[in-house]
N, C-alpha and C. Protein backbone atom coordinates (compact mmCIF):
# COMPACT_ATOMS: atom_id res chain seq x y z
N UNK A 1 -26.65 14.01 13.97
CA UNK A 1 -27.12 14.31 12.64
C UNK A 1 -27.59 13.02 11.96
N UNK A 2 -28.73 13.09 11.30
CA UNK A 2 -29.24 11.86 10.69
C UNK A 2 -28.59 11.59 9.33
N UNK A 3 -28.80 10.40 8.83
CA UNK A 3 -28.14 9.95 7.60
C UNK A 3 -28.53 10.78 6.38
N UNK A 4 -29.74 11.33 6.37
CA UNK A 4 -30.18 12.09 5.21
C UNK A 4 -29.52 13.48 5.15
N UNK A 5 -29.37 14.11 6.31
CA UNK A 5 -28.64 15.39 6.31
C UNK A 5 -27.17 15.14 5.98
N UNK A 6 -26.63 14.02 6.42
CA UNK A 6 -25.26 13.68 6.04
C UNK A 6 -25.13 13.52 4.53
N UNK A 7 -26.14 12.91 3.91
CA UNK A 7 -26.14 12.76 2.45
C UNK A 7 -26.22 14.12 1.77
N UNK A 8 -27.04 15.01 2.30
CA UNK A 8 -27.13 16.36 1.74
C UNK A 8 -25.80 17.09 1.88
N UNK A 9 -25.14 16.91 3.01
CA UNK A 9 -23.84 17.54 3.23
C UNK A 9 -22.75 16.99 2.32
N UNK A 10 -22.91 15.77 1.87
CA UNK A 10 -21.92 15.17 0.96
C UNK A 10 -22.06 15.71 -0.46
N UNK A 11 -23.23 16.20 -0.82
CA UNK A 11 -23.48 16.67 -2.19
C UNK A 11 -22.56 17.81 -2.64
N UNK A 12 -22.32 18.84 -1.83
CA UNK A 12 -21.47 19.93 -2.31
C UNK A 12 -20.06 19.49 -2.72
N UNK A 13 -19.59 18.39 -2.17
CA UNK A 13 -18.27 17.88 -2.54
C UNK A 13 -18.21 17.52 -4.02
N UNK A 14 -19.37 17.16 -4.61
CA UNK A 14 -19.42 16.81 -6.02
C UNK A 14 -19.00 17.98 -6.90
N UNK A 15 -19.31 19.18 -6.46
CA UNK A 15 -19.01 20.34 -7.28
C UNK A 15 -17.90 21.23 -6.75
N UNK A 16 -17.40 20.91 -5.58
CA UNK A 16 -16.40 21.77 -4.95
C UNK A 16 -15.19 22.02 -5.84
N UNK A 17 -14.72 21.01 -6.51
CA UNK A 17 -13.52 21.15 -7.35
C UNK A 17 -13.76 21.99 -8.60
N UNK A 18 -15.01 22.20 -8.94
CA UNK A 18 -15.32 23.01 -10.12
C UNK A 18 -15.84 24.39 -9.74
N UNK A 19 -15.66 24.78 -8.50
CA UNK A 19 -16.02 26.13 -8.06
C UNK A 19 -17.47 26.31 -7.68
N UNK A 20 -18.14 25.24 -7.37
CA UNK A 20 -19.57 25.32 -7.02
C UNK A 20 -19.79 26.07 -5.71
N UNK A 21 -20.95 26.69 -5.62
CA UNK A 21 -21.39 27.26 -4.36
C UNK A 21 -21.80 26.06 -3.50
N UNK A 22 -21.25 25.92 -2.29
CA UNK A 22 -21.41 24.66 -1.53
C UNK A 22 -22.76 24.48 -0.84
N UNK A 23 -23.73 24.03 -1.62
CA UNK A 23 -25.05 23.73 -1.08
C UNK A 23 -25.46 22.37 -1.65
N UNK A 24 -26.07 21.53 -0.80
CA UNK A 24 -26.53 20.22 -1.24
C UNK A 24 -27.93 19.94 -0.74
N UNK A 25 -28.60 18.98 -1.38
CA UNK A 25 -29.98 18.67 -1.04
C UNK A 25 -30.29 17.22 -1.39
N UNK A 26 -31.17 16.61 -0.61
CA UNK A 26 -31.71 15.29 -0.95
C UNK A 26 -33.22 15.29 -0.70
N UNK A 27 -33.93 14.49 -1.48
CA UNK A 27 -35.36 14.31 -1.30
C UNK A 27 -35.58 12.88 -0.84
N UNK A 28 -36.32 12.73 0.25
CA UNK A 28 -36.52 11.42 0.88
C UNK A 28 -38.00 11.06 0.87
N UNK A 29 -38.28 9.80 0.53
CA UNK A 29 -39.64 9.27 0.59
C UNK A 29 -39.58 7.86 1.15
N UNK A 30 -40.37 7.61 2.17
CA UNK A 30 -40.47 6.29 2.80
C UNK A 30 -39.10 5.74 3.20
N UNK A 31 -38.25 6.63 3.71
CA UNK A 31 -36.95 6.21 4.23
C UNK A 31 -35.86 6.01 3.20
N UNK A 32 -36.13 6.40 1.94
CA UNK A 32 -35.15 6.24 0.87
C UNK A 32 -34.89 7.58 0.17
N UNK A 33 -33.66 7.80 -0.21
CA UNK A 33 -33.33 8.98 -1.00
C UNK A 33 -33.78 8.71 -2.43
N UNK A 34 -34.66 9.57 -2.93
CA UNK A 34 -35.16 9.40 -4.30
C UNK A 34 -34.60 10.46 -5.24
N UNK A 35 -33.92 11.45 -4.68
CA UNK A 35 -33.29 12.49 -5.49
C UNK A 35 -32.20 13.15 -4.69
N UNK A 36 -31.17 13.57 -5.38
CA UNK A 36 -30.09 14.31 -4.72
C UNK A 36 -29.55 15.34 -5.70
N UNK A 37 -29.02 16.41 -5.15
CA UNK A 37 -28.48 17.44 -6.03
C UNK A 37 -27.59 18.41 -5.29
N UNK A 38 -26.87 19.17 -6.07
CA UNK A 38 -26.03 20.22 -5.50
C UNK A 38 -26.07 21.42 -6.43
N UNK A 39 -25.66 22.55 -5.90
CA UNK A 39 -25.69 23.79 -6.63
C UNK A 39 -24.79 23.70 -7.85
N UNK A 40 -25.34 24.05 -9.02
CA UNK A 40 -24.58 24.01 -10.27
C UNK A 40 -24.66 25.33 -11.02
N UNK A 41 -24.95 26.40 -10.31
CA UNK A 41 -25.09 27.71 -10.95
C UNK A 41 -23.81 28.13 -11.64
N UNK A 42 -22.68 27.94 -10.98
CA UNK A 42 -21.39 28.36 -11.54
C UNK A 42 -21.00 27.46 -12.71
N UNK A 43 -21.06 26.16 -12.51
CA UNK A 43 -20.63 25.22 -13.54
C UNK A 43 -21.44 25.34 -14.82
N UNK A 44 -22.76 25.52 -14.70
CA UNK A 44 -23.63 25.56 -15.86
C UNK A 44 -23.91 26.98 -16.35
N UNK A 45 -23.47 27.98 -15.58
CA UNK A 45 -23.81 29.35 -15.94
C UNK A 45 -25.31 29.56 -15.92
N UNK A 46 -25.98 28.87 -15.01
CA UNK A 46 -27.44 28.81 -14.96
C UNK A 46 -27.91 29.31 -13.59
N UNK A 47 -28.60 30.43 -13.54
CA UNK A 47 -29.02 30.96 -12.25
C UNK A 47 -30.10 30.14 -11.55
N UNK A 48 -30.70 29.19 -12.25
CA UNK A 48 -31.81 28.40 -11.71
C UNK A 48 -31.35 27.11 -11.02
N UNK A 49 -30.17 26.62 -11.32
CA UNK A 49 -29.77 25.30 -10.84
C UNK A 49 -29.24 25.37 -9.40
N UNK A 50 -30.16 25.69 -8.49
CA UNK A 50 -29.85 25.62 -7.06
C UNK A 50 -29.87 24.15 -6.65
N UNK A 51 -29.31 23.83 -5.51
CA UNK A 51 -29.23 22.44 -5.05
C UNK A 51 -30.61 21.79 -4.98
N UNK A 52 -31.59 22.52 -4.46
CA UNK A 52 -32.93 21.95 -4.31
C UNK A 52 -33.57 21.67 -5.67
N UNK A 53 -33.38 22.57 -6.62
CA UNK A 53 -33.93 22.38 -7.96
C UNK A 53 -33.24 21.21 -8.65
N UNK A 54 -31.91 21.12 -8.51
CA UNK A 54 -31.16 20.00 -9.06
C UNK A 54 -31.66 18.69 -8.46
N UNK A 55 -31.89 18.68 -7.18
CA UNK A 55 -32.40 17.50 -6.48
C UNK A 55 -33.77 17.08 -7.02
N UNK A 56 -34.67 18.04 -7.17
CA UNK A 56 -36.01 17.73 -7.68
C UNK A 56 -35.95 17.24 -9.12
N UNK A 57 -35.09 17.84 -9.93
CA UNK A 57 -34.91 17.36 -11.31
C UNK A 57 -34.42 15.93 -11.31
N UNK A 58 -33.46 15.63 -10.46
CA UNK A 58 -32.89 14.28 -10.42
C UNK A 58 -33.87 13.25 -9.86
N UNK A 59 -34.81 13.69 -9.06
CA UNK A 59 -35.85 12.77 -8.56
C UNK A 59 -36.80 12.39 -9.69
N UNK A 60 -36.93 13.26 -10.67
CA UNK A 60 -37.81 12.98 -11.80
C UNK A 60 -39.27 13.23 -11.45
N UNK A 61 -40.11 12.89 -12.35
CA UNK A 61 -41.55 13.08 -12.15
C UNK A 61 -42.08 11.92 -11.32
N UNK A 62 -42.22 12.15 -10.05
CA UNK A 62 -42.69 11.07 -9.18
C UNK A 62 -44.20 11.09 -9.01
N UNK A 63 -44.84 12.11 -9.56
CA UNK A 63 -46.29 12.18 -9.54
C UNK A 63 -46.87 12.75 -8.26
N UNK A 64 -46.51 12.18 -7.14
CA UNK A 64 -47.07 12.59 -5.86
C UNK A 64 -45.95 12.76 -4.85
N UNK A 65 -45.85 13.95 -4.32
CA UNK A 65 -44.78 14.25 -3.35
C UNK A 65 -45.26 14.09 -1.91
N UNK A 66 -46.46 13.55 -1.73
CA UNK A 66 -46.98 13.34 -0.39
C UNK A 66 -46.03 12.41 0.37
N UNK A 67 -45.69 12.79 1.58
CA UNK A 67 -44.81 11.97 2.41
C UNK A 67 -43.33 12.17 2.14
N UNK A 68 -42.99 13.13 1.27
CA UNK A 68 -41.57 13.39 1.03
C UNK A 68 -41.05 14.45 1.98
N UNK A 69 -39.75 14.41 2.21
CA UNK A 69 -39.07 15.41 3.01
C UNK A 69 -37.86 15.89 2.22
N UNK A 70 -37.70 17.20 2.15
CA UNK A 70 -36.55 17.77 1.48
C UNK A 70 -35.53 18.19 2.53
N UNK A 71 -34.31 17.70 2.38
CA UNK A 71 -33.19 18.09 3.22
C UNK A 71 -32.31 19.02 2.42
N UNK A 72 -31.94 20.15 2.99
CA UNK A 72 -31.05 21.08 2.32
C UNK A 72 -30.03 21.59 3.32
N UNK A 73 -28.81 21.77 2.86
CA UNK A 73 -27.77 22.25 3.77
C UNK A 73 -27.95 23.71 4.11
N UNK A 74 -28.74 24.43 3.34
CA UNK A 74 -29.00 25.85 3.55
C UNK A 74 -30.50 26.08 3.42
N UNK A 75 -31.03 27.02 4.19
CA UNK A 75 -32.47 27.32 4.10
C UNK A 75 -32.82 27.67 2.66
N UNK A 76 -33.84 27.02 2.07
CA UNK A 76 -34.20 27.30 0.68
C UNK A 76 -34.57 28.77 0.45
N UNK A 77 -34.18 29.27 -0.73
CA UNK A 77 -34.50 30.63 -1.14
C UNK A 77 -35.98 30.70 -1.57
N UNK A 78 -36.41 31.86 -1.99
CA UNK A 78 -37.80 32.04 -2.42
C UNK A 78 -38.15 31.13 -3.60
N UNK A 79 -37.25 31.02 -4.58
CA UNK A 79 -37.52 30.17 -5.74
C UNK A 79 -37.68 28.71 -5.33
N UNK A 80 -36.75 28.22 -4.53
CA UNK A 80 -36.78 26.81 -4.10
C UNK A 80 -37.95 26.56 -3.16
N UNK A 81 -38.25 27.53 -2.31
CA UNK A 81 -39.42 27.42 -1.43
C UNK A 81 -40.69 27.36 -2.25
N UNK A 82 -40.74 28.11 -3.35
CA UNK A 82 -41.89 28.05 -4.25
C UNK A 82 -42.06 26.67 -4.85
N UNK A 83 -40.95 26.03 -5.21
CA UNK A 83 -41.01 24.66 -5.74
C UNK A 83 -41.51 23.70 -4.67
N UNK A 84 -41.07 23.88 -3.44
CA UNK A 84 -41.53 23.04 -2.33
C UNK A 84 -43.05 23.15 -2.20
N UNK A 85 -43.55 24.37 -2.19
CA UNK A 85 -44.99 24.59 -2.06
C UNK A 85 -45.72 24.05 -3.29
N UNK A 86 -45.22 24.34 -4.48
CA UNK A 86 -45.86 23.89 -5.73
C UNK A 86 -46.00 22.37 -5.78
N UNK A 87 -44.97 21.66 -5.34
CA UNK A 87 -44.98 20.20 -5.41
C UNK A 87 -45.66 19.55 -4.20
N UNK A 88 -46.04 20.34 -3.22
CA UNK A 88 -46.74 19.79 -2.06
C UNK A 88 -45.84 19.07 -1.08
N UNK A 89 -44.57 19.41 -1.07
CA UNK A 89 -43.64 18.84 -0.08
C UNK A 89 -43.98 19.48 1.26
N UNK A 90 -44.24 18.68 2.27
CA UNK A 90 -44.75 19.20 3.53
C UNK A 90 -43.72 19.31 4.64
N UNK A 91 -42.48 18.89 4.37
CA UNK A 91 -41.46 19.00 5.42
C UNK A 91 -40.11 19.31 4.78
N UNK A 92 -39.43 20.30 5.35
CA UNK A 92 -38.10 20.70 4.91
C UNK A 92 -37.19 20.77 6.13
N UNK A 93 -36.05 20.12 6.04
CA UNK A 93 -35.04 20.23 7.07
C UNK A 93 -33.86 20.99 6.49
N UNK A 94 -33.52 22.11 7.11
CA UNK A 94 -32.43 22.96 6.63
C UNK A 94 -31.26 22.87 7.60
N UNK A 95 -30.07 22.73 7.03
CA UNK A 95 -28.87 22.63 7.85
C UNK A 95 -28.57 23.90 8.63
N UNK A 96 -28.85 25.03 8.01
CA UNK A 96 -28.63 26.30 8.70
C UNK A 96 -29.28 27.44 7.95
N UNK A 97 -29.49 28.54 8.67
CA UNK A 97 -30.06 29.74 8.05
C UNK A 97 -29.35 31.00 8.53
N UNK A 98 -28.22 30.85 9.20
CA UNK A 98 -27.49 32.01 9.70
C UNK A 98 -26.83 32.79 8.56
N UNK A 99 -26.26 32.09 7.59
CA UNK A 99 -25.58 32.78 6.49
C UNK A 99 -26.56 33.26 5.44
N UNK A 100 -27.71 32.62 5.36
CA UNK A 100 -28.76 33.01 4.42
C UNK A 100 -30.10 32.63 5.03
N UNK A 101 -30.95 33.61 5.34
CA UNK A 101 -32.20 33.30 6.04
C UNK A 101 -33.23 32.57 5.20
N UNK A 102 -33.16 32.70 3.88
CA UNK A 102 -34.08 31.97 3.01
C UNK A 102 -35.53 32.39 3.17
N UNK A 103 -36.42 31.48 2.83
CA UNK A 103 -37.86 31.77 2.78
C UNK A 103 -38.64 30.88 3.74
N UNK A 104 -38.14 30.75 4.95
CA UNK A 104 -38.79 29.91 5.96
C UNK A 104 -40.23 30.32 6.20
N UNK A 105 -40.47 31.61 6.38
CA UNK A 105 -41.82 32.09 6.69
C UNK A 105 -42.78 31.80 5.54
N UNK A 106 -42.31 31.93 4.32
CA UNK A 106 -43.16 31.63 3.16
C UNK A 106 -43.61 30.17 3.19
N UNK A 107 -42.65 29.28 3.41
CA UNK A 107 -43.01 27.85 3.45
C UNK A 107 -43.97 27.57 4.59
N UNK A 108 -43.68 28.12 5.76
CA UNK A 108 -44.55 27.88 6.91
C UNK A 108 -45.96 28.43 6.67
N UNK A 109 -46.05 29.55 5.95
CA UNK A 109 -47.38 30.13 5.66
C UNK A 109 -48.18 29.25 4.71
N UNK A 110 -47.50 28.27 4.09
CA UNK A 110 -48.18 27.32 3.19
C UNK A 110 -48.17 25.91 3.81
N UNK A 111 -48.17 25.87 5.13
CA UNK A 111 -48.30 24.62 5.89
C UNK A 111 -47.17 23.63 5.68
N UNK A 112 -45.99 24.15 5.39
CA UNK A 112 -44.79 23.30 5.32
C UNK A 112 -44.11 23.35 6.68
N UNK A 113 -43.81 22.19 7.23
CA UNK A 113 -43.06 22.13 8.48
C UNK A 113 -41.60 22.37 8.14
N UNK A 114 -41.01 23.39 8.74
CA UNK A 114 -39.62 23.73 8.47
C UNK A 114 -38.82 23.55 9.74
N UNK A 115 -37.79 22.72 9.67
CA UNK A 115 -36.89 22.48 10.80
C UNK A 115 -35.56 23.08 10.43
N UNK A 116 -35.12 24.03 11.24
CA UNK A 116 -33.86 24.74 10.98
C UNK A 116 -32.81 24.22 11.94
């Protein structure tokens, strides 16, 4: 397992003690983590704060997502996949999709390389 997926796997620990749904994500550009996040739906009472969305928010407005890779411990859902496509992120590495299949086909249909 590479260092970036390990970083994504470390993210759910941030919220575990507060009852978070255990999903984490990091955004990587040029070999550096520029954003990280974990699921905060339970803590914030916010249905939108998935790990991937939290990660993108924490990365801030970087202007150009060319060359970025999103790592997520779980295959992104339709909402998060939409953000990937909207921002032009061309590669997503998902830790697994057995417990939740996510929107792999949607991302692939928009020329996103998805590694499961």
